[in-house]
Protein backbone atom coordinates (compact mmCIF):
# COMPACT_ATOMS: atom_id res chain seq x y z
CA VAL A 1 0.00 0.00 0.00
CA ALA A 2 1.44 3.33 -1.07
CA ALA A 3 0.11 5.78 1.51
CA ASP A 4 1.90 8.67 -0.17
CA ARG A 5 -0.01 8.22 -3.39
CA VAL A 6 -3.59 8.52 -4.51
CA THR A 7 -5.09 7.02 -7.63
CA TYR A 8 -7.76 8.93 -9.49
CA SER A 9 -10.14 7.62 -12.10
CA PHE A 10 -11.59 10.07 -14.59
CA GLU A 11 -13.60 9.21 -17.69
CA GLY A 12 -12.07 5.76 -17.86
CA GLU A 13 -8.53 6.97 -17.35
CA GLU A 14 -6.55 6.22 -14.22
CA PHE A 15 -3.65 8.29 -13.06
CA GLN A 16 -1.58 8.48 -9.89
CA VAL A 17 -0.58 11.60 -8.03
CA GLU A 18 2.09 11.75 -5.33
CA LYS A 19 1.10 13.54 -2.19
CA ARG A 20 3.82 15.97 -1.13
């Protein structure tokens, strides 16, 4: 589990963003 990251899903596309 990567607690420093969040995965978003938008219109069928998934992308990860690092929390800083």
